[in-house]
Amino acid sequence: MSPVPAWLTGLVADAARRPVPPEMRPPASGGRHAAVLLLFGDSPDGPDVLLIQRSARGRNHAGQPAFPGGGVDPEDGGPVGAALREAEEETGLDPRGVRIIGALPELYIWHSHNRVTPVLGWWHTPSAVHAASPDEVDAVARVPIAELADPGNRLRLRFPGTPRQAGPAFRVRGMLVWGFTAGVLDGVLAATGFERPWDDGRVEDLPPEVVRLARR
């Protein structure tokens, strides 16, 4: 059983001090309560994070890389229970191998009207994972933090025709990570000190197939 690293416990304290970006602040009312699991672990390539590739057949965020997660059901007892349940359903992980460290402030996804609580977990006893819910998930990957921090894998993406609205993105493990997930990972890299200098002037348009799914 691997111990919780200091950078991960420090992430919770740092998040409590940082204001939520204006574009991600939840409204006073409305929206669906949801949770995602930011599950970090150790691997031969150093610390990593668990990501899924959502199915292109899904209703919301189709085809996008994401953290495991979904809506909070009454029987979940809150965001932690929802994050663990969804992660088990989507990736087949064993929740007994996860230690919950804390949660980040609630964030709002305007496109899907979700009020999302990111739950931080440490994978002290990793289990095998796979696309356990084929209708919702196409692939599962443990992505090393070092690959996310690699300047060659970083860029900013925008919807075509909106040059002022480019957001952080990553090209890792055959996935184009953008939107909400990339924004959270960008903040994690900055807060934990894993971030390396990169060219944030590297801006590209979202590929047409990604735009098509996002606008469905």
C-alpha atoms as a PDB file:
ATOM      1  CA  MET A   1       0.000   0.000   0.000  1.00  0.00           C
ATOM      2  CA  SER A   2       1.664   3.222  -1.165  1.00  0.00           C
ATOM      3  CA  PRO A   3       1.483   6.306   1.087  1.00  0.00           C
ATOM      4  CA  VAL A   4      -0.328   9.467   0.049  1.00  0.00           C
ATOM      5  CA  PRO A   5       2.213  11.921  -1.433  1.00  0.00           C
ATOM      6  CA  ALA A   6       2.551  15.383   0.081  1.00  0.00           C
ATOM      7  CA  TRP A   7       1.768  17.090  -3.246  1.00  0.00           C
ATOM      8  CA  LEU A   8      -1.676  15.494  -3.282  1.00  0.00           C
ATOM      9  CA  THR A   9      -2.642  16.492   0.256  1.00  0.00           C
ATOM     10  CA  GLY A  10      -1.324  19.967  -0.511  1.00  0.00           C
ATOM     11  CA  LEU A  11      -3.605  20.151  -3.549  1.00  0.00           C
ATOM     12  CA  VAL A  12      -6.694  20.161  -1.335  1.00  0.00           C
ATOM     13  CA  ALA A  13      -5.363  23.015   0.801  1.00  0.00           C
ATOM     14  CA  ASP A  14      -4.329  24.990  -2.274  1.00  0.00           C
ATOM     15  CA  ALA A  15      -7.763  24.581  -3.858  1.00  0.00           C
ATOM     16  CA  ALA A  16      -9.428  26.040  -0.781  1.00  0.00           C
ATOM     17  CA  ARG A  17      -7.371  29.218  -1.207  1.00  0.00           C
ATOM     18  CA  ARG A  18      -7.818  29.673  -4.948  1.00  0.00           C
ATOM     19  CA  PRO A  19     -10.956  31.368  -6.305  1.00  0.00           C
ATOM     20  CA  VAL A  20     -13.020  29.440  -8.828  1.00  0.00           C
ATOM     21  CA  PRO A  21     -12.544  30.927 -12.329  1.00  0.00           C
ATOM     22  CA  PRO A  22     -15.525  33.106 -13.298  1.00  0.00           C
ATOM     23  CA  GLU A  23     -16.416  30.892 -16.264  1.00  0.00           C
ATOM     24  CA  MET A  24     -16.717  27.857 -13.954  1.00  0.00           C
ATOM     25  CA  ARG A  25     -18.594  29.403 -11.020  1.00  0.00           C
ATOM     26  CA  PRO A  26     -21.944  27.694 -10.371  1.00  0.00           C
ATOM     27  CA  PRO A  27     -25.060  29.847 -10.585  1.00  0.00           C
ATOM     28  CA  ALA A  28     -27.055  30.668  -7.464  1.00  0.00           C
ATOM     29  CA  SER A  29     -29.523  27.903  -8.289  1.00  0.00           C
ATOM     30  CA  GLY A  30     -30.238  25.243 -10.859  1.00  0.00           C
ATOM     31  CA  GLY A  31     -28.105  22.600 -12.466  1.00  0.00           C
ATOM     32  CA  ARG A  32     -27.635  18.882 -11.911  1.00  0.00           C
ATOM     33  CA  HIS A  33     -25.361  17.768  -9.087  1.00  0.00           C
ATOM     34  CA  ALA A  34     -22.552  15.545 -10.331  1.00  0.00           C
ATOM     35  CA  ALA A  35     -19.128  14.314  -9.237  1.00  0.00           C
ATOM     36  CA  VAL A  36     -15.940  13.119 -10.905  1.00  0.00           C
ATOM     37  CA  LEU A  37     -13.063  11.114  -9.454  1.00  0.00           C
ATOM     38  CA  LEU A  38      -9.569  12.551  -9.880  1.00  0.00           C
ATOM     39  CA  LEU A  39      -7.763   9.321  -9.086  1.00  0.00           C
ATOM     40  CA  PHE A  40      -3.992   9.557  -8.802  1.00  0.00           C
ATOM     41  CA  GLY A  41      -1.624   6.636  -8.372  1.00  0.00           C
ATOM     42  CA  ASP A  42       1.970   5.522  -8.732  1.00  0.00           C
ATOM     43  CA  SER A  43       3.342   3.739 -11.772  1.00  0.00           C
ATOM     44  CA  PRO A  44       6.782   2.917 -13.216  1.00  0.00           C
ATOM     45  CA  ASP A  45       6.479   6.252 -15.063  1.00  0.00           C
ATOM     46  CA  GLY A  46       5.810   8.210 -11.865  1.00  0.00           C
ATOM     47  CA  PRO A  47       2.481   9.568 -10.621  1.00  0.00           C
ATOM     48  CA  ASP A  48      -0.447   9.171 -12.980  1.00  0.00           C
ATOM     49  CA  VAL A  49      -4.148   9.974 -13.263  1.00  0.00           C
ATOM     50  CA  LEU A  50      -7.037   7.808 -14.460  1.00  0.00           C
ATOM     51  CA  LEU A  51      -8.908   9.041 -17.544  1.00  0.00           C
ATOM     52  CA  ILE A  52     -11.665   7.574 -19.682  1.00  0.00           C
ATOM     53  CA  GLN A  53     -12.605   8.153 -23.301  1.00  0.00           C
ATOM     54  CA  ARG A  54     -16.360   8.640 -23.419  1.00  0.00           C
ATOM     55  CA  SER A  55     -18.327   6.845 -26.112  1.00  0.00           C
ATOM     56  CA  ALA A  56     -19.247   8.856 -29.206  1.00  0.00           C
ATOM     57  CA  ARG A  57     -22.740   7.422 -28.727  1.00  0.00           C
ATOM     58  CA  GLY A  58     -23.258   9.236 -25.420  1.00  0.00           C
ATOM     59  CA  ARG A  59     -25.687  12.095 -24.889  1.00  0.00           C
ATOM     60  CA  ASN A  60     -23.395  14.560 -23.075  1.00  0.00           C
ATOM     61  CA  HIS A  61     -19.702  15.183 -23.770  1.00  0.00           C
ATOM     62  CA  ALA A  62     -19.740  12.421 -26.390  1.00  0.00           C
ATOM     63  CA  GLY A  63     -16.318  11.186 -27.460  1.00  0.00           C
ATOM     64  CA  GLN A  64     -14.449  13.341 -24.968  1.00  0.00           C
ATOM     65  CA  PRO A  65     -11.716  12.195 -22.598  1.00  0.00           C
ATOM     66  CA  ALA A  66     -12.868  12.734 -19.027  1.00  0.00           C
ATOM     67  CA  PHE A  67     -12.499  11.762 -15.407  1.00  0.00           C
ATOM     68  CA  PRO A  68     -14.776   8.894 -14.348  1.00  0.00           C
ATOM     69  CA  GLY A  69     -17.984  10.323 -12.932  1.00  0.00           C
ATOM     70  CA  GLY A  70     -21.603  11.260 -13.372  1.00  0.00           C
ATOM     71  CA  GLY A  71     -24.738  12.434 -11.626  1.00  0.00           C
ATOM     72  CA  VAL A  72     -25.199  12.197  -7.855  1.00  0.00           C
ATOM     73  CA  ASP A  73     -28.024   9.787  -7.020  1.00  0.00           C
ATOM     74  CA  PRO A  74     -29.934   9.969  -3.693  1.00  0.00           C
ATOM     75  CA  GLU A  75     -28.489   6.633  -2.534  1.00  0.00           C
ATOM     76  CA  ASP A  76     -24.903   7.853  -3.100  1.00  0.00           C
ATOM     77  CA  GLY A  77     -24.935   9.978   0.030  1.00  0.00           C
ATOM     78  CA  GLY A  78     -23.101  12.791  -1.733  1.00  0.00           C
ATOM     79  CA  PRO A  79     -20.303  13.469  -4.243  1.00  0.00           C
ATOM     80  CA  VAL A  80     -17.794  10.969  -2.788  1.00  0.00           C
ATOM     81  CA  GLY A  81     -20.179   8.062  -3.059  1.00  0.00           C
ATOM     82  CA  ALA A  82     -21.216   9.105  -6.556  1.00  0.00           C
ATOM     83  CA  ALA A  83     -17.620   9.471  -7.773  1.00  0.00           C
ATOM     84  CA  LEU A  84     -16.626   6.025  -6.483  1.00  0.00           C
ATOM     85  CA  ARG A  85     -19.767   4.337  -7.801  1.00  0.00           C
ATOM     86  CA  GLU A  86     -19.414   5.851 -11.254  1.00  0.00           C
ATOM     87  CA  ALA A  87     -15.702   5.015 -11.400  1.00  0.00           C
ATOM     88  CA  GLU A  88     -16.425   1.395 -10.528  1.00  0.00           C
ATOM     89  CA  GLU A  89     -19.224   1.190 -13.115  1.00  0.00           C
ATOM     90  CA  GLU A  90     -17.181   2.827 -15.877  1.00  0.00           C
ATOM     91  CA  THR A  91     -13.717   1.333 -15.296  1.00  0.00           C
ATOM     92  CA  GLY A  92     -14.213  -1.742 -13.110  1.00  0.00           C
ATOM     93  CA  LEU A  93     -11.830  -0.457 -10.430  1.00  0.00           C
ATOM     94  CA  ASP A  94     -12.055  -1.775  -6.881  1.00  0.00           C
ATOM     95  CA  PRO A  95     -13.096   1.156  -4.617  1.00  0.00           C
ATOM     96  CA  ARG A  96     -11.418  -0.564  -1.650  1.00  0.00           C
ATOM     97  CA  GLY A  97      -8.070   0.356  -3.182  1.00  0.00           C
ATOM     98  CA  VAL A  98      -8.897   4.079  -3.179  1.00  0.00           C
ATOM     99  CA  ARG A  99      -8.330   6.507  -0.314  1.00  0.00           C
ATOM    100  CA  ILE A 100     -10.366   9.704  -0.577  1.00  0.00           C
ATOM    101  CA  ILE A 101      -8.211  12.756   0.187  1.00  0.00           C
ATOM    102  CA  GLY A 102     -10.776  15.520  -0.168  1.00  0.00           C
ATOM    103  CA  ALA A 103     -12.698  17.487  -2.754  1.00  0.00           C
ATOM    104  CA  LEU A 104     -12.165  20.581  -4.857  1.00  0.00           C
ATOM    105  CA  PRO A 105     -14.747  23.392  -4.978  1.00  0.00           C
ATOM    106  CA  GLU A 106     -17.853  22.766  -7.056  1.00  0.00           C
ATOM    107  CA  LEU A 107     -17.471  23.734 -10.720  1.00  0.00           C
ATOM    108  CA  TYR A 108     -20.136  24.412 -13.325  1.00  0.00           C
ATOM    109  CA  ILE A 109     -20.284  23.034 -16.867  1.00  0.00           C
ATOM    110  CA  TRP A 110     -22.575  25.383 -18.750  1.00  0.00           C
ATOM    111  CA  HIS A 111     -23.032  23.157 -21.791  1.00  0.00           C
ATOM    112  CA  SER A 112     -24.576  20.289 -19.793  1.00  0.00           C
ATOM    113  CA  HIS A 113     -25.749  22.312 -16.761  1.00  0.00           C
ATOM    114  CA  ASN A 114     -23.828  20.091 -14.352  1.00  0.00           C
ATOM    115  CA  ARG A 115     -22.600  21.284 -10.959  1.00  0.00           C
ATOM    116  CA  VAL A 116     -19.526  19.085 -10.645  1.00  0.00           C
ATOM    117  CA  THR A 117     -17.602  18.287  -7.461  1.00  0.00           C
ATOM    118  CA  PRO A 118     -14.102  16.935  -8.269  1.00  0.00           C
ATOM    119  CA  VAL A 119     -13.269  14.277  -5.657  1.00  0.00           C
ATOM    120  CA  LEU A 120      -9.565  13.604  -5.073  1.00  0.00           C
ATOM    121  CA  GLY A 121      -8.457  10.029  -4.513  1.00  0.00           C
ATOM    122  CA  TRP A 122      -5.175   8.174  -3.986  1.00  0.00           C
ATOM    123  CA  TRP A 123      -4.961   4.718  -5.570  1.00  0.00           C
ATOM    124  CA  HIS A 124      -2.979   3.035  -2.802  1.00  0.00           C
ATOM    125  CA  THR A 125      -3.798  -0.458  -4.106  1.00  0.00           C
ATOM    126  CA  PRO A 126      -4.415  -0.276  -7.874  1.00  0.00           C
ATOM    127  CA  SER A 127      -6.687  -2.783  -9.554  1.00  0.00           C
ATOM    128  CA  ALA A 128      -7.127  -3.689 -13.203  1.00  0.00           C
ATOM    129  CA  VAL A 129      -9.304  -1.275 -15.180  1.00  0.00           C
ATOM    130  CA  HIS A 130     -11.060  -1.479 -18.531  1.00  0.00           C
ATOM    131  CA  ALA A 131     -14.021  -0.023 -20.413  1.00  0.00           C
ATOM    132  CA  ALA A 132     -16.547  -1.672 -18.098  1.00  0.00           C
ATOM    133  CA  SER A 133     -19.572   0.160 -19.537  1.00  0.00           C
ATOM    134  CA  PRO A 134     -19.193  -0.075 -23.337  1.00  0.00           C
ATOM    135  CA  ASP A 135     -22.268   2.059 -24.013  1.00  0.00           C
ATOM    136  CA  GLU A 136     -20.673   4.939 -22.094  1.00  0.00           C
ATOM    137  CA  VAL A 137     -16.910   4.367 -22.272  1.00  0.00           C
ATOM    138  CA  ASP A 138     -14.685   3.442 -25.220  1.00  0.00           C
ATOM    139  CA  ALA A 139     -11.333   3.275 -23.417  1.00  0.00           C
ATOM    140  CA  VAL A 140      -9.602   3.713 -20.056  1.00  0.00           C
ATOM    141  CA  ALA A 141      -6.028   4.916 -19.527  1.00  0.00           C
ATOM    142  CA  ARG A 142      -3.641   5.691 -16.692  1.00  0.00           C
ATOM    143  CA  VAL A 143      -1.911   8.826 -17.956  1.00  0.00           C
ATOM    144  CA  PRO A 144       1.443   9.771 -16.375  1.00  0.00           C
ATOM    145  CA  ILE A 145       1.595  13.309 -14.990  1.00  0.00           C
ATOM    146  CA  ALA A 146       4.950  13.677 -16.750  1.00  0.00           C
ATOM    147  CA  GLU A 147       3.221  13.229 -20.121  1.00  0.00           C
ATOM    148  CA  LEU A 148       0.626  15.877 -19.273  1.00  0.00           C
ATOM    149  CA  ALA A 149       3.399  18.263 -18.201  1.00  0.00           C
ATOM    150  CA  ASP A 150       5.504  17.610 -21.318  1.00  0.00           C
ATOM    151  CA  PRO A 151       5.511  20.925 -23.255  1.00  0.00           C
ATOM    152  CA  GLY A 152       5.281  18.980 -26.510  1.00  0.00           C
ATOM    153  CA  ASN A 153       1.910  17.571 -25.464  1.00  0.00           C
ATOM    154  CA  ARG A 154       0.364  20.909 -24.507  1.00  0.00           C
ATOM    155  CA  LEU A 155      -1.618  23.405 -26.591  1.00  0.00           C
ATOM    156  CA  ARG A 156      -4.705  25.588 -26.515  1.00  0.00           C
ATOM    157  CA  LEU A 157      -7.850  24.747 -28.454  1.00  0.00           C
ATOM    158  CA  ARG A 158     -10.746  26.893 -29.629  1.00  0.00           C
ATOM    159  CA  PHE A 159     -13.985  26.417 -31.484  1.00  0.00           C
ATOM    160  CA  PRO A 160     -13.490  27.598 -35.084  1.00  0.00           C
ATOM    161  CA  GLY A 161     -14.336  31.275 -35.401  1.00  0.00           C
ATOM    162  CA  THR A 162     -13.837  32.082 -31.698  1.00  0.00           C
ATOM    163  CA  PRO A 163     -10.158  33.098 -31.445  1.00  0.00           C
ATOM    164  CA  ARG A 164     -10.520  34.654 -27.986  1.00  0.00           C
ATOM    165  CA  GLN A 165     -11.971  31.580 -26.320  1.00  0.00           C
ATOM    166  CA  ALA A 166      -9.086  29.124 -26.499  1.00  0.00           C
ATOM    167  CA  GLY A 167      -8.670  26.796 -23.536  1.00  0.00           C
ATOM    168  CA  PRO A 168      -5.926  24.415 -22.360  1.00  0.00           C
ATOM    169  CA  ALA A 169      -5.607  21.017 -24.011  1.00  0.00           C
ATOM    170  CA  PHE A 170      -3.348  17.957 -24.033  1.00  0.00           C
ATOM    171  CA  ARG A 171      -2.429  15.297 -26.589  1.00  0.00           C
ATOM    172  CA  VAL A 172      -1.638  12.147 -24.599  1.00  0.00           C
ATOM    173  CA  ARG A 173      -2.055   8.395 -25.124  1.00  0.00           C
ATOM    174  CA  GLY A 174      -3.899   8.911 -28.385  1.00  0.00           C
ATOM    175  CA  MET A 175      -6.435  11.228 -26.723  1.00  0.00           C
ATOM    176  CA  LEU A 176      -7.154  14.912 -27.284  1.00  0.00           C
ATOM    177  CA  VAL A 177      -8.033  16.164 -23.797  1.00  0.00           C
ATOM    178  CA  TRP A 178      -9.847  19.508 -23.755  1.00  0.00           C
ATOM    179  CA  GLY A 179     -12.726  21.365 -22.136  1.00  0.00           C
ATOM    180  CA  PHE A 180     -13.587  20.840 -18.470  1.00  0.00           C
ATOM    181  CA  THR A 181     -11.158  17.941 -17.969  1.00  0.00           C
ATOM    182  CA  ALA A 182      -8.212  19.811 -19.480  1.00  0.00           C
ATOM    183  CA  GLY A 183      -9.038  22.905 -17.427  1.00  0.00           C
ATOM    184  CA  VAL A 184      -8.950  20.903 -14.190  1.00  0.00           C
ATOM    185  CA  LEU A 185      -5.706  19.156 -15.159  1.00  0.00           C
ATOM    186  CA  ASP A 186      -4.148  22.494 -16.077  1.00  0.00           C
ATOM    187  CA  GLY A 187      -4.967  23.750 -12.586  1.00  0.00           C
ATOM    188  CA  VAL A 188      -3.614  20.578 -10.964  1.00  0.00           C
ATOM    189  CA  LEU A 189      -0.277  20.900 -12.761  1.00  0.00           C
ATOM    190  CA  ALA A 190       0.069  24.527 -11.695  1.00  0.00           C
ATOM    191  CA  ALA A 191      -0.923  23.900  -8.074  1.00  0.00           C
ATOM    192  CA  THR A 192       1.305  20.859  -7.550  1.00  0.00           C
ATOM    193  CA  GLY A 193       4.450  22.238  -9.157  1.00  0.00           C
ATOM    194  CA  PHE A 194       4.483  19.606 -11.922  1.00  0.00           C
ATOM    195  CA  GLU A 195       3.880  22.236 -14.610  1.00  0.00           C
ATOM    196  CA  ARG A 196       6.761  22.935 -16.990  1.00  0.00           C
ATOM    197  CA  PRO A 197       7.147  26.024 -19.176  1.00  0.00           C
ATOM    198  CA  TRP A 198       5.200  25.571 -22.405  1.00  0.00           C
ATOM    199  CA  ASP A 199       4.100  27.627 -25.392  1.00  0.00           C
ATOM    200  CA  ASP A 200       0.594  28.794 -24.493  1.00  0.00           C
ATOM    201  CA  GLY A 201       0.554  30.711 -27.763  1.00  0.00           C
ATOM    202  CA  ARG A 202       0.185  27.406 -29.605  1.00  0.00           C
ATOM    203  CA  VAL A 203      -3.496  27.665 -30.516  1.00  0.00           C
ATOM    204  CA  GLU A 204      -5.399  25.323 -32.829  1.00  0.00           C
ATOM    205  CA  ASP A 205      -9.011  24.869 -33.872  1.00  0.00           C
ATOM    206  CA  LEU A 206     -10.899  21.882 -32.518  1.00  0.00           C
ATOM    207  CA  PRO A 207     -10.994  19.127 -35.154  1.00  0.00           C
ATOM    208  CA  PRO A 208     -14.280  19.042 -37.126  1.00  0.00           C
ATOM    209  CA  GLU A 209     -15.303  15.639 -35.727  1.00  0.00           C
ATOM    210  CA  VAL A 210     -14.845  16.912 -32.174  1.00  0.00           C
ATOM    211  CA  VAL A 211     -16.902  20.043 -32.917  1.00  0.00           C
ATOM    212  CA  ARG A 212     -19.655  17.910 -34.429  1.00  0.00           C
ATOM    213  CA  LEU A 213     -19.942  15.749 -31.298  1.00  0.00           C
ATOM    214  CA  ALA A 214     -19.713  18.735 -28.960  1.00  0.00           C
ATOM    215  CA  ARG A 215     -22.579  20.515 -30.712  1.00  0.00           C
ATOM    216  CA  ARG A 216     -24.953  17.569 -30.771  1.00  0.00           C
END
